[in-house]
Amino acid sequence: MRLRFVNPNTSAAMTETVRAAAASVAPPNVTVEAVTSPRGPAAIQGPEDGEAAVPGLLESIAAGAADEVDAFVIACFDDTGLDAARAATDRPVIGIGQAAFHLAMLGGGRFSVVTTLAVSVPVIEANLARYALDGACCRVRASGVPVLELERDRAGATERVSREIARAVAEDGCRAVVLGCAGMAPLVRPMTARHGLLVVDGVIAATGLAAALVAAARAE
């Protein structure tokens, strides 16, 4: 089974972060692939960046369909271009945001989201409402960490994300925290250990869910 993660921004370092996180949890029968969008913004921070990323994303989806991969995962927490990508292929397509929300609900119940910049908060809130999951989310919080800072200054970004998780735990009444950026995938284990509750990453969540979707389709 081949799962292809498509990073809709043009950061190759982010793509490798995503690939490594997914490969670390993939079942033995699953091959994880990851590709970087051929064109678009270097980071997706807000709706304008999301719109600019869609053409490159769809090129990558078309290339993967021609290569006969079994499922796609859009490796942006905003679920950039999700509907357009699903319309462009008959293979399963999952967004890491939607995957993370569902896993958080299954594992913890009500959850808060800790994302990067404030400009991303309305996009994530709109997605939650569109998926009819807004009632399960206590709050969407911005850590103030730019997307690419997660690669350039991992230690500093980790501390800022951790502080926002601590606020969510103290103020929101959440039972789980969702990390709201693909670049936060390496933070799952340290944040779980530090804060003592379920911390969910969308890359890891989508790996299992995409494999399950493919297996279910093959069983029909």
N, C-alpha and C. Protein backbone atom coordinates (compact mmCIF):
# COMPACT_ATOMS: atom_id res chain seq x y z
N MET A 1 0.85 -1.19 0.00
CA MET A 1 0.00 0.00 0.00
C MET A 1 0.88 1.24 0.00
N ARG A 2 0.59 2.18 -0.90
CA ARG A 2 1.40 3.41 -1.00
C ARG A 2 0.57 4.62 -0.60
N LEU A 3 1.03 5.32 0.42
CA LEU A 3 0.41 6.58 0.84
C LEU A 3 1.32 7.72 0.42
N ARG A 4 0.78 8.69 -0.28
CA ARG A 4 1.60 9.82 -0.69
C ARG A 4 1.15 11.09 0.02
N PHE A 5 2.04 11.65 0.82
CA PHE A 5 1.80 12.92 1.47
C PHE A 5 2.20 14.03 0.51
N VAL A 6 1.32 14.99 0.33
CA VAL A 6 1.60 16.13 -0.54
C VAL A 6 1.71 17.37 0.33
N ASN A 7 2.91 17.94 0.36
CA ASN A 7 3.12 19.19 1.08
C ASN A 7 2.76 20.34 0.14
N PRO A 8 1.70 21.09 0.41
CA PRO A 8 1.29 22.13 -0.53
C PRO A 8 2.12 23.40 -0.48
N ASN A 9 3.07 23.48 0.46
CA ASN A 9 4.02 24.60 0.38
C ASN A 9 5.31 24.11 -0.28
N THR A 10 6.26 24.98 -0.48
CA THR A 10 7.46 24.61 -1.24
C THR A 10 8.67 24.37 -0.36
N SER A 11 8.47 24.11 0.92
CA SER A 11 9.57 23.86 1.85
C SER A 11 9.92 22.37 1.83
N ALA A 12 11.07 22.03 1.25
CA ALA A 12 11.51 20.64 1.20
C ALA A 12 11.82 20.11 2.60
N ALA A 13 12.31 20.99 3.49
CA ALA A 13 12.59 20.56 4.86
C ALA A 13 11.30 20.13 5.57
N MET A 14 10.22 20.87 5.34
CA MET A 14 8.94 20.50 5.93
C MET A 14 8.46 19.16 5.39
N THR A 15 8.66 18.93 4.09
CA THR A 15 8.26 17.66 3.48
C THR A 15 8.98 16.50 4.15
N GLU A 16 10.27 16.66 4.41
CA GLU A 16 11.03 15.58 5.05
C GLU A 16 10.57 15.37 6.49
N THR A 17 10.23 16.44 7.20
CA THR A 17 9.68 16.29 8.55
C THR A 17 8.40 15.46 8.52
N VAL A 18 7.55 15.75 7.56
CA VAL A 18 6.29 15.02 7.41
C VAL A 18 6.56 13.56 7.08
N ARG A 19 7.44 13.31 6.12
CA ARG A 19 7.73 11.93 5.71
C ARG A 19 8.25 11.11 6.88
N ALA A 20 9.19 11.68 7.63
CA ALA A 20 9.78 10.96 8.75
C ALA A 20 8.75 10.64 9.82
N ALA A 21 7.87 11.59 10.12
CA ALA A 21 6.84 11.36 11.14
C ALA A 21 5.87 10.27 10.71
N ALA A 22 5.45 10.32 9.45
CA ALA A 22 4.51 9.32 8.95
C ALA A 22 5.15 7.94 8.89
N ALA A 23 6.38 7.88 8.42
CA ALA A 23 7.07 6.59 8.30
C ALA A 23 7.29 5.94 9.66
N SER A 24 7.42 6.76 10.70
CA SER A 24 7.69 6.21 12.03
C SER A 24 6.51 5.46 12.61
N VAL A 25 5.31 5.68 12.09
CA VAL A 25 4.11 5.02 12.63
C VAL A 25 3.39 4.18 11.58
N ALA A 26 3.87 4.15 10.36
CA ALA A 26 3.18 3.42 9.30
C ALA A 26 3.22 1.91 9.54
N PRO A 27 2.12 1.21 9.29
CA PRO A 27 2.14 -0.25 9.40
C PRO A 27 3.14 -0.86 8.43
N PRO A 28 3.57 -2.11 8.68
CA PRO A 28 4.60 -2.73 7.83
C PRO A 28 4.23 -2.83 6.35
N ASN A 29 2.94 -2.92 6.06
CA ASN A 29 2.52 -3.07 4.66
C ASN A 29 2.32 -1.73 3.95
N VAL A 30 2.69 -0.63 4.61
CA VAL A 30 2.45 0.70 4.05
C VAL A 30 3.78 1.37 3.71
N THR A 31 3.88 1.84 2.48
CA THR A 31 5.02 2.63 2.05
C THR A 31 4.63 4.10 2.07
N VAL A 32 5.36 4.90 2.80
CA VAL A 32 5.09 6.34 2.91
C VAL A 32 5.95 7.09 1.91
N GLU A 33 5.31 7.91 1.09
CA GLU A 33 6.00 8.78 0.16
C GLU A 33 5.62 10.22 0.49
N ALA A 34 6.49 11.15 0.19
CA ALA A 34 6.18 12.56 0.44
C ALA A 34 6.77 13.41 -0.67
N VAL A 35 5.97 14.32 -1.18
CA VAL A 35 6.41 15.19 -2.26
C VAL A 35 6.14 16.64 -1.88
N THR A 36 6.96 17.52 -2.43
CA THR A 36 6.81 18.96 -2.22
C THR A 36 6.12 19.57 -3.42
N SER A 37 5.20 20.48 -3.17
CA SER A 37 4.50 21.14 -4.26
C SER A 37 5.49 21.79 -5.23
N PRO A 38 5.23 21.68 -6.54
CA PRO A 38 6.15 22.27 -7.51
C PRO A 38 6.11 23.78 -7.56
N ARG A 39 5.07 24.38 -7.03
CA ARG A 39 4.97 25.84 -7.01
C ARG A 39 3.96 26.26 -5.95
N GLY A 40 4.14 27.49 -5.47
CA GLY A 40 3.25 28.01 -4.44
C GLY A 40 4.04 28.72 -3.37
N PRO A 41 3.41 29.06 -2.26
CA PRO A 41 4.08 29.80 -1.17
C PRO A 41 5.05 28.91 -0.41
N ALA A 42 6.05 29.54 0.21
CA ALA A 42 7.01 28.80 1.02
C ALA A 42 6.37 28.29 2.30
N ALA A 43 5.33 28.96 2.77
CA ALA A 43 4.57 28.53 3.95
C ALA A 43 3.12 28.96 3.75
N ILE A 44 2.21 28.21 4.32
CA ILE A 44 0.79 28.54 4.20
C ILE A 44 0.33 29.12 5.53
N GLN A 45 0.11 30.42 5.53
CA GLN A 45 -0.28 31.15 6.73
C GLN A 45 -1.43 32.07 6.36
N GLY A 46 -2.65 31.54 6.46
CA GLY A 46 -3.83 32.32 6.14
C GLY A 46 -4.43 31.95 4.79
N PRO A 47 -5.63 32.46 4.52
CA PRO A 47 -6.38 32.05 3.32
C PRO A 47 -5.73 32.42 2.00
N GLU A 48 -5.03 33.54 1.92
CA GLU A 48 -4.41 33.91 0.66
C GLU A 48 -3.31 32.93 0.27
N ASP A 49 -2.49 32.53 1.23
CA ASP A 49 -1.47 31.51 0.95
C ASP A 49 -2.14 30.20 0.55
N GLY A 50 -3.24 29.86 1.20
CA GLY A 50 -3.94 28.63 0.86
C GLY A 50 -4.42 28.62 -0.58
N GLU A 51 -5.00 29.72 -1.01
CA GLU A 51 -5.47 29.81 -2.40
C GLU A 51 -4.30 29.69 -3.37
N ALA A 52 -3.19 30.34 -3.05
CA ALA A 52 -2.03 30.31 -3.94
C ALA A 52 -1.42 28.91 -4.03
N ALA A 53 -1.65 28.08 -3.04
CA ALA A 53 -1.06 26.74 -3.01
C ALA A 53 -1.85 25.71 -3.81
N VAL A 54 -3.11 25.99 -4.10
CA VAL A 54 -3.98 24.97 -4.70
C VAL A 54 -3.50 24.49 -6.07
N PRO A 55 -3.11 25.36 -7.01
CA PRO A 55 -2.68 24.85 -8.33
C PRO A 55 -1.52 23.85 -8.23
N GLY A 56 -0.51 24.15 -7.45
CA GLY A 56 0.60 23.22 -7.29
C GLY A 56 0.18 21.92 -6.62
N LEU A 57 -0.71 22.04 -5.63
CA LEU A 57 -1.24 20.85 -4.97
C LEU A 57 -1.93 19.93 -5.97
N LEU A 58 -2.76 20.49 -6.84
CA LEU A 58 -3.50 19.68 -7.80
C LEU A 58 -2.57 19.04 -8.82
N GLU A 59 -1.49 19.72 -9.17
CA GLU A 59 -0.49 19.10 -10.04
C GLU A 59 0.10 17.86 -9.37
N SER A 60 0.37 17.96 -8.10
CA SER A 60 0.93 16.83 -7.37
C SER A 60 -0.07 15.69 -7.24
N ILE A 61 -1.33 16.02 -7.06
CA ILE A 61 -2.37 14.98 -7.00
C ILE A 61 -2.47 14.26 -8.34
N ALA A 62 -2.46 15.01 -9.43
CA ALA A 62 -2.54 14.41 -10.76
C ALA A 62 -1.35 13.49 -11.02
N ALA A 63 -0.16 13.93 -10.60
CA ALA A 63 1.04 13.11 -10.79
C ALA A 63 0.93 11.82 -9.98
N GLY A 64 0.42 11.90 -8.77
CA GLY A 64 0.28 10.71 -7.94
C GLY A 64 -0.76 9.75 -8.48
N ALA A 65 -1.85 10.29 -9.02
CA ALA A 65 -2.88 9.43 -9.62
C ALA A 65 -2.31 8.68 -10.82
N ALA A 66 -1.50 9.36 -11.63
CA ALA A 66 -0.86 8.71 -12.77
C ALA A 66 0.12 7.64 -12.31
N ASP A 67 0.71 7.84 -11.16
CA ASP A 67 1.67 6.89 -10.59
C ASP A 67 0.99 5.79 -9.79
N GLU A 68 -0.34 5.84 -9.72
CA GLU A 68 -1.17 4.81 -9.10
C GLU A 68 -0.88 4.61 -7.61
N VAL A 69 -0.71 5.72 -6.89
CA VAL A 69 -0.62 5.59 -5.43
C VAL A 69 -2.01 5.25 -4.90
N ASP A 70 -2.06 4.70 -3.71
CA ASP A 70 -3.33 4.21 -3.17
C ASP A 70 -4.15 5.27 -2.45
N ALA A 71 -3.49 6.27 -1.86
CA ALA A 71 -4.20 7.33 -1.15
C ALA A 71 -3.29 8.53 -1.01
N PHE A 72 -3.91 9.68 -0.82
CA PHE A 72 -3.18 10.94 -0.65
C PHE A 72 -3.48 11.53 0.73
N VAL A 73 -2.49 12.22 1.27
CA VAL A 73 -2.70 13.02 2.47
C VAL A 73 -2.19 14.43 2.18
N ILE A 74 -3.03 15.42 2.41
CA ILE A 74 -2.62 16.82 2.25
C ILE A 74 -1.96 17.26 3.55
N ALA A 75 -0.67 17.53 3.47
CA ALA A 75 0.13 17.79 4.66
C ALA A 75 0.16 19.27 5.01
N CYS A 76 -1.01 19.84 5.17
CA CYS A 76 -1.17 21.20 5.68
C CYS A 76 -2.36 21.19 6.62
N PHE A 77 -2.20 21.74 7.81
CA PHE A 77 -3.27 21.64 8.80
C PHE A 77 -4.52 22.40 8.40
N ASP A 78 -4.39 23.37 7.49
CA ASP A 78 -5.56 24.09 6.98
C ASP A 78 -6.39 23.23 6.04
N ASP A 79 -5.94 22.01 5.75
CA ASP A 79 -6.60 21.14 4.76
C ASP A 79 -6.75 21.86 3.42
N THR A 80 -5.68 22.50 3.03
CA THR A 80 -5.63 23.31 1.81
C THR A 80 -6.05 22.51 0.59
N GLY A 81 -7.04 23.02 -0.14
CA GLY A 81 -7.45 22.41 -1.40
C GLY A 81 -8.08 21.04 -1.26
N LEU A 82 -8.58 20.70 -0.08
CA LEU A 82 -9.08 19.34 0.16
C LEU A 82 -10.23 18.97 -0.77
N ASP A 83 -11.21 19.83 -0.90
CA ASP A 83 -12.35 19.51 -1.75
C ASP A 83 -11.94 19.39 -3.22
N ALA A 84 -11.08 20.29 -3.67
CA ALA A 84 -10.62 20.25 -5.06
C ALA A 84 -9.80 18.99 -5.32
N ALA A 85 -8.99 18.60 -4.36
CA ALA A 85 -8.19 17.39 -4.52
C ALA A 85 -9.07 16.15 -4.58
N ARG A 86 -10.09 16.10 -3.75
CA ARG A 86 -11.00 14.95 -3.77
C ARG A 86 -11.77 14.87 -5.08
N ALA A 87 -12.07 16.03 -5.66
CA ALA A 87 -12.77 16.04 -6.94
C ALA A 87 -11.87 15.63 -8.09
N ALA A 88 -10.55 15.68 -7.88
CA ALA A 88 -9.60 15.44 -8.96
C ALA A 88 -9.14 13.99 -9.06
N THR A 89 -9.52 13.15 -8.09
CA THR A 89 -9.06 11.76 -8.11
C THR A 89 -10.11 10.86 -7.47
N ASP A 90 -10.06 9.58 -7.86
CA ASP A 90 -10.96 8.61 -7.23
C ASP A 90 -10.29 7.90 -6.06
N ARG A 91 -9.04 8.28 -5.74
CA ARG A 91 -8.34 7.70 -4.59
C ARG A 91 -8.72 8.48 -3.33
N PRO A 92 -8.65 7.85 -2.18
CA PRO A 92 -8.94 8.58 -0.94
C PRO A 92 -7.97 9.75 -0.74
N VAL A 93 -8.51 10.87 -0.27
CA VAL A 93 -7.71 12.05 0.05
C VAL A 93 -8.09 12.51 1.45
N ILE A 94 -7.10 12.63 2.33
CA ILE A 94 -7.33 13.04 3.71
C ILE A 94 -6.53 14.31 3.98
N GLY A 95 -7.13 15.23 4.73
CA GLY A 95 -6.40 16.39 5.22
C GLY A 95 -5.95 16.12 6.64
N ILE A 96 -4.75 16.58 6.99
CA ILE A 96 -4.25 16.27 8.33
C ILE A 96 -5.04 16.98 9.42
N GLY A 97 -5.67 18.11 9.10
CA GLY A 97 -6.50 18.78 10.08
C GLY A 97 -7.71 17.94 10.46
N GLN A 98 -8.46 17.52 9.45
CA GLN A 98 -9.64 16.72 9.70
C GLN A 98 -9.28 15.41 10.42
N ALA A 99 -8.19 14.78 10.01
CA ALA A 99 -7.76 13.54 10.65
C ALA A 99 -7.46 13.77 12.14
N ALA A 100 -6.76 14.85 12.43
CA ALA A 100 -6.40 15.13 13.83
C ALA A 100 -7.63 15.41 14.69
N PHE A 101 -8.59 16.14 14.15
CA PHE A 101 -9.80 16.44 14.93
C PHE A 101 -10.51 15.14 15.32
N HIS A 102 -10.66 14.24 14.37
CA HIS A 102 -11.38 13.00 14.66
C HIS A 102 -10.62 12.14 15.66
N LEU A 103 -9.31 12.06 15.53
CA LEU A 103 -8.54 11.25 16.47
C LEU A 103 -8.59 11.84 17.87
N ALA A 104 -8.55 13.16 17.97
CA ALA A 104 -8.64 13.80 19.28
C ALA A 104 -9.98 13.51 19.95
N MET A 105 -11.04 13.54 19.17
CA MET A 105 -12.36 13.22 19.72
C MET A 105 -12.42 11.78 20.21
N LEU A 106 -11.87 10.86 19.42
CA LEU A 106 -11.90 9.45 19.80
C LEU A 106 -11.07 9.18 21.04
N GLY A 107 -9.95 9.87 21.16
CA GLY A 107 -9.03 9.59 22.26
C GLY A 107 -9.26 10.39 23.52
N GLY A 108 -9.82 11.58 23.36
CA GLY A 108 -9.92 12.44 24.53
C GLY A 108 -11.26 13.12 24.74
N GLY A 109 -12.02 13.28 23.66
CA GLY A 109 -13.27 14.02 23.77
C GLY A 109 -13.07 15.46 23.33
N ARG A 110 -13.37 16.42 24.18
CA ARG A 110 -13.20 17.83 23.80
C ARG A 110 -11.73 18.20 23.76
N PHE A 111 -11.37 18.98 22.76
CA PHE A 111 -9.97 19.30 22.51
C PHE A 111 -9.79 20.77 22.20
N SER A 112 -8.57 21.25 22.38
CA SER A 112 -8.16 22.57 21.90
C SER A 112 -7.10 22.38 20.82
N VAL A 113 -6.99 23.36 19.94
CA VAL A 113 -5.99 23.34 18.88
C VAL A 113 -4.95 24.41 19.17
N VAL A 114 -3.67 24.06 19.07
CA VAL A 114 -2.59 25.03 19.17
C VAL A 114 -1.91 25.09 17.81
N THR A 115 -2.05 26.23 17.14
CA THR A 115 -1.52 26.38 15.79
C THR A 115 -0.36 27.38 15.79
N THR A 116 -0.05 27.91 14.62
CA THR A 116 1.11 28.79 14.45
C THR A 116 0.72 30.24 14.70
N LEU A 117 0.29 30.96 13.65
CA LEU A 117 -0.02 32.38 13.77
C LEU A 117 -1.52 32.63 13.84
N ALA A 118 -1.88 33.79 14.34
CA ALA A 118 -3.29 34.15 14.50
C ALA A 118 -4.05 34.16 13.18
N VAL A 119 -3.35 34.42 12.07
CA VAL A 119 -4.01 34.48 10.77
C VAL A 119 -4.60 33.13 10.37
N SER A 120 -4.08 32.05 10.95
CA SER A 120 -4.59 30.71 10.64
C SER A 120 -5.81 30.32 11.48
N VAL A 121 -6.07 31.03 12.55
CA VAL A 121 -7.17 30.66 13.45
C VAL A 121 -8.53 30.67 12.76
N PRO A 122 -8.90 31.73 12.01
CA PRO A 122 -10.21 31.71 11.34
C PRO A 122 -10.36 30.58 10.33
N VAL A 123 -9.28 30.22 9.64
CA VAL A 123 -9.34 29.12 8.67
C VAL A 123 -9.65 27.81 9.38
N ILE A 124 -8.97 27.56 10.48
CA ILE A 124 -9.19 26.33 11.23
C ILE A 124 -10.59 26.30 11.85
N GLU A 125 -11.03 27.43 12.38
CA GLU A 125 -12.39 27.50 12.95
C GLU A 125 -13.44 27.23 11.87
N ALA A 126 -13.23 27.76 10.68
CA ALA A 126 -14.18 27.52 9.58
C ALA A 126 -14.20 26.05 9.19
N ASN A 127 -13.03 25.42 9.17
CA ASN A 127 -12.98 23.99 8.85
C ASN A 127 -13.72 23.17 9.90
N LEU A 128 -13.51 23.48 11.16
CA LEU A 128 -14.22 22.77 12.23
C LEU A 128 -15.74 22.87 12.05
N ALA A 129 -16.22 24.06 11.71
CA ALA A 129 -17.65 24.24 11.49
C ALA A 129 -18.11 23.45 10.27
N ARG A 130 -17.30 23.47 9.21
CA ARG A 130 -17.67 22.76 7.98
C ARG A 130 -17.74 21.26 8.20
N TYR A 131 -16.87 20.74 9.06
CA TYR A 131 -16.89 19.31 9.37
C TYR A 131 -17.90 18.96 10.47
N ALA A 132 -18.61 19.97 10.98
CA ALA A 132 -19.57 19.78 12.08
C ALA A 132 -18.86 19.27 13.34
N LEU A 133 -17.63 19.75 13.57
CA LEU A 133 -16.86 19.35 14.73
C LEU A 133 -16.58 20.52 15.67
N ASP A 134 -17.15 21.68 15.38
CA ASP A 134 -16.86 22.85 16.19
C ASP A 134 -17.35 22.69 17.63
N GLY A 135 -18.38 21.89 17.83
CA GLY A 135 -18.87 21.67 19.18
C GLY A 135 -17.93 20.88 20.06
N ALA A 136 -16.99 20.16 19.43
CA ALA A 136 -16.03 19.36 20.19
C ALA A 136 -14.76 20.14 20.50
N CYS A 137 -14.60 21.31 19.89
CA CYS A 137 -13.38 22.09 20.06
C CYS A 137 -13.60 23.19 21.09
N CYS A 138 -12.76 23.19 22.13
CA CYS A 138 -12.86 24.23 23.15
C CYS A 138 -12.39 25.57 22.61
N ARG A 139 -11.26 25.57 21.91
CA ARG A 139 -10.69 26.82 21.43
C ARG A 139 -9.57 26.52 20.43
N VAL A 140 -9.41 27.41 19.45
CA VAL A 140 -8.26 27.38 18.56
C VAL A 140 -7.32 28.50 18.98
N ARG A 141 -6.09 28.14 19.32
CA ARG A 141 -5.12 29.07 19.88
C ARG A 141 -3.93 29.24 18.94
N ALA A 142 -3.40 30.46 18.88
CA ALA A 142 -2.18 30.74 18.13
C ALA A 142 -0.99 30.80 19.08
N SER A 143 0.08 30.09 18.72
CA SER A 143 1.29 30.11 19.55
C SER A 143 2.20 31.28 19.21
N GLY A 144 1.95 31.93 18.06
CA GLY A 144 2.80 33.02 17.61
C GLY A 144 4.07 32.55 16.92
N VAL A 145 4.17 31.28 16.59
CA VAL A 145 5.34 30.72 15.92
C VAL A 145 5.08 30.63 14.43
N PRO A 146 5.82 31.34 13.58
CA PRO A 146 5.66 31.19 12.13
C PRO A 146 5.97 29.76 11.69
N VAL A 147 5.35 29.32 10.62
CA VAL A 147 5.49 27.94 10.15
C VAL A 147 6.96 27.56 9.97
N LEU A 148 7.71 28.37 9.24
CA LEU A 148 9.09 28.00 8.93
C LEU A 148 10.01 28.09 10.14
N GLU A 149 9.57 28.78 11.19
CA GLU A 149 10.37 28.85 12.42
C GLU A 149 10.45 27.48 13.09
N LEU A 150 9.49 26.62 12.80
CA LEU A 150 9.53 25.27 13.35
C LEU A 150 10.72 24.49 12.83
N GLU A 151 11.22 24.86 11.64
CA GLU A 151 12.40 24.22 11.09
C GLU A 151 13.68 24.98 11.46
N ARG A 152 13.61 26.31 11.49
CA ARG A 152 14.82 27.12 11.70
C ARG A 152 15.25 27.18 13.16
N ASP A 153 14.28 27.19 14.07
CA ASP A 153 14.59 27.31 15.50
C ASP A 153 13.69 26.35 16.26
N ARG A 154 13.96 25.05 16.14
CA ARG A 154 13.09 24.05 16.74
C ARG A 154 12.99 24.20 18.25
N ALA A 155 14.11 24.48 18.91
CA ALA A 155 14.10 24.58 20.38
C ALA A 155 13.25 25.76 20.84
N GLY A 156 13.45 26.93 20.23
CA GLY A 156 12.66 28.10 20.62
C GLY A 156 11.19 27.93 20.30
N ALA A 157 10.89 27.37 19.13
CA ALA A 157 9.50 27.15 18.74
C ALA A 157 8.83 26.16 19.68
N THR A 158 9.57 25.13 20.08
CA THR A 158 9.01 24.13 20.99
C THR A 158 8.57 24.76 22.30
N GLU A 159 9.37 25.64 22.84
CA GLU A 159 9.02 26.27 24.11
C GLU A 159 7.79 27.16 23.98
N ARG A 160 7.67 27.86 22.87
CA ARG A 160 6.50 28.73 22.68
C ARG A 160 5.23 27.91 22.49
N VAL A 161 5.33 26.83 21.75
CA VAL A 161 4.18 25.94 21.59
C VAL A 161 3.81 25.33 22.94
N SER A 162 4.81 24.92 23.69
CA SER A 162 4.55 24.31 25.00
C SER A 162 3.83 25.27 25.93
N ARG A 163 4.23 26.54 25.92
CA ARG A 163 3.56 27.52 26.78
C ARG A 163 2.09 27.66 26.41
N GLU A 164 1.80 27.61 25.11
CA GLU A 164 0.39 27.74 24.70
C GLU A 164 -0.41 26.49 25.05
N ILE A 165 0.22 25.34 24.97
CA ILE A 165 -0.45 24.12 25.42
C ILE A 165 -0.78 24.22 26.90
N ALA A 166 0.16 24.72 27.70
CA ALA A 166 -0.08 24.87 29.14
C ALA A 166 -1.27 25.79 29.40
N ARG A 167 -1.38 26.86 28.62
CA ARG A 167 -2.54 27.75 28.76
C ARG A 167 -3.83 27.04 28.39
N ALA A 168 -3.79 26.25 27.34
CA ALA A 168 -4.99 25.51 26.93
C ALA A 168 -5.44 24.56 28.03
N VAL A 169 -4.50 23.85 28.61
CA VAL A 169 -4.83 22.91 29.68
C VAL A 169 -5.42 23.65 30.88
N ALA A 170 -4.84 24.80 31.21
CA ALA A 170 -5.28 25.55 32.39
C ALA A 170 -6.60 26.26 32.19
N GLU A 171 -6.86 26.74 30.98
CA GLU A 171 -7.99 27.64 30.76
C GLU A 171 -9.17 27.04 29.98
N ASP A 172 -8.94 26.02 29.18
CA ASP A 172 -9.99 25.60 28.24
C ASP A 172 -10.83 24.43 28.71
N GLY A 173 -10.36 23.67 29.66
CA GLY A 173 -11.08 22.47 30.06
C GLY A 173 -11.00 21.36 29.03
N CYS A 174 -9.97 21.38 28.21
CA CYS A 174 -9.83 20.37 27.15
C CYS A 174 -9.24 19.09 27.71
N ARG A 175 -9.53 17.97 27.05
CA ARG A 175 -8.98 16.68 27.44
C ARG A 175 -7.94 16.20 26.45
N ALA A 176 -7.74 16.95 25.37
CA ALA A 176 -6.72 16.64 24.38
C ALA A 176 -6.31 17.94 23.72
N VAL A 177 -5.10 17.97 23.18
CA VAL A 177 -4.61 19.12 22.43
C VAL A 177 -4.17 18.65 21.05
N VAL A 178 -4.60 19.37 20.04
CA VAL A 178 -4.22 19.08 18.66
C VAL A 178 -3.15 20.08 18.22
N LEU A 179 -2.06 19.58 17.68
CA LEU A 179 -1.00 20.43 17.16
C LEU A 179 -1.38 20.88 15.76
N GLY A 180 -1.50 22.20 15.56
CA GLY A 180 -2.11 22.73 14.35
C GLY A 180 -1.16 23.11 13.25
N CYS A 181 -0.14 22.27 12.98
CA CYS A 181 0.77 22.50 11.85
C CYS A 181 1.52 21.21 11.59
N ALA A 182 1.72 20.88 10.31
CA ALA A 182 2.47 19.66 9.96
C ALA A 182 3.88 19.69 10.54
N GLY A 183 4.47 20.87 10.62
CA GLY A 183 5.81 20.99 11.14
C GLY A 183 5.94 20.73 12.62
N MET A 184 4.81 20.60 13.32
CA MET A 184 4.83 20.30 14.75
C MET A 184 4.85 18.80 15.04
N ALA A 185 4.86 17.97 14.01
CA ALA A 185 4.80 16.52 14.20
C ALA A 185 5.86 15.99 15.18
N PRO A 186 7.12 16.48 15.14
CA PRO A 186 8.11 15.95 16.08
C PRO A 186 7.85 16.30 17.55
N LEU A 187 6.87 17.17 17.80
CA LEU A 187 6.61 17.61 19.17
C LEU A 187 5.64 16.71 19.93
N VAL A 188 5.05 15.73 19.26
CA VAL A 188 4.01 14.92 19.91
C VAL A 188 4.52 14.26 21.18
N ARG A 189 5.59 13.52 21.09
CA ARG A 189 6.08 12.78 22.27
C ARG A 189 6.53 13.72 23.39
N PRO A 190 7.37 14.72 23.10
CA PRO A 190 7.79 15.58 24.21
C PRO A 190 6.64 16.36 24.84
N MET A 191 5.66 16.79 24.03
CA MET A 191 4.54 17.54 24.60
C MET A 191 3.60 16.64 25.39
N THR A 192 3.44 15.40 24.95
CA THR A 192 2.64 14.45 25.71
C THR A 192 3.27 14.20 27.07
N ALA A 193 4.57 13.97 27.07
CA ALA A 193 5.27 13.71 28.33
C ALA A 193 5.25 14.93 29.25
N ARG A 194 5.38 16.11 28.68
CA ARG A 194 5.49 17.32 29.49
C ARG A 194 4.15 17.71 30.10
N HIS A 195 3.06 17.52 29.36
CA HIS A 195 1.78 18.07 29.81
C HIS A 195 0.80 17.01 30.32
N GLY A 196 1.08 15.74 30.11
CA GLY A 196 0.29 14.70 30.74
C GLY A 196 -1.11 14.54 30.21
N LEU A 197 -1.34 14.85 28.92
CA LEU A 197 -2.63 14.56 28.31
C LEU A 197 -2.38 14.16 26.87
N LEU A 198 -3.45 13.74 26.19
CA LEU A 198 -3.32 13.32 24.80
C LEU A 198 -2.96 14.51 23.92
N VAL A 199 -1.86 14.41 23.18
CA VAL A 199 -1.45 15.41 22.20
C VAL A 199 -1.49 14.74 20.83
N VAL A 200 -2.23 15.32 19.92
CA VAL A 200 -2.50 14.70 18.62
C VAL A 200 -1.84 15.51 17.51
N ASP A 201 -1.15 14.82 16.62
CA ASP A 201 -0.58 15.41 15.42
C ASP A 201 -1.32 14.88 14.20
N GLY A 202 -1.63 15.75 13.25
CA GLY A 202 -2.39 15.36 12.08
C GLY A 202 -1.66 14.44 11.13
N VAL A 203 -0.34 14.57 11.02
CA VAL A 203 0.42 13.69 10.13
C VAL A 203 0.32 12.25 10.61
N ILE A 204 0.53 12.05 11.90
CA ILE A 204 0.45 10.70 12.47
C ILE A 204 -0.99 10.18 12.39
N ALA A 205 -1.97 11.03 12.70
CA ALA A 205 -3.36 10.62 12.63
C ALA A 205 -3.75 10.21 11.22
N ALA A 206 -3.33 11.00 10.23
CA ALA A 206 -3.72 10.72 8.85
C ALA A 206 -3.07 9.46 8.30
N THR A 207 -1.90 9.12 8.79
CA THR A 207 -1.22 7.90 8.32
C THR A 207 -2.09 6.68 8.59
N GLY A 208 -2.55 6.55 9.81
CA GLY A 208 -3.39 5.42 10.16
C GLY A 208 -4.75 5.45 9.50
N LEU A 209 -5.36 6.63 9.43
CA LEU A 209 -6.69 6.73 8.84
C LEU A 209 -6.67 6.47 7.34
N ALA A 210 -5.64 6.97 6.64
CA ALA A 210 -5.55 6.73 5.21
C ALA A 210 -5.37 5.24 4.92
N ALA A 211 -4.51 4.60 5.70
CA ALA A 211 -4.33 3.16 5.52
C ALA A 211 -5.63 2.39 5.78
N ALA A 212 -6.38 2.82 6.78
CA ALA A 212 -7.66 2.17 7.08
C ALA A 212 -8.67 2.38 5.96
N LEU A 213 -8.69 3.56 5.36
CA LEU A 213 -9.60 3.82 4.24
C LEU A 213 -9.29 2.93 3.05
N VAL A 214 -8.01 2.80 2.73
CA VAL A 214 -7.62 1.94 1.61
C VAL A 214 -8.00 0.50 1.89
N ALA A 215 -7.73 0.03 3.11
CA ALA A 215 -8.06 -1.35 3.47
C ALA A 215 -9.58 -1.59 3.39
N ALA A 216 -10.36 -0.60 3.84
CA ALA A 216 -11.82 -0.74 3.79
C ALA A 216 -12.31 -0.82 2.35
N ALA A 217 -11.73 -0.01 1.48
CA ALA A 217 -12.14 -0.02 0.07
C ALA A 217 -11.81 -1.36 -0.58
N ARG A 218 -10.68 -1.93 -0.22
CA ARG A 218 -10.29 -3.21 -0.80
C ARG A 218 -11.16 -4.36 -0.30
N ALA A 219 -11.77 -4.18 0.88
CA ALA A 219 -12.60 -5.24 1.45
C ALA A 219 -14.00 -5.27 0.87
N GLU A 220 -14.36 -4.22 0.14
CA GLU A 220 -15.74 -4.15 -0.39
C GLU A 220 -15.98 -5.21 -1.46
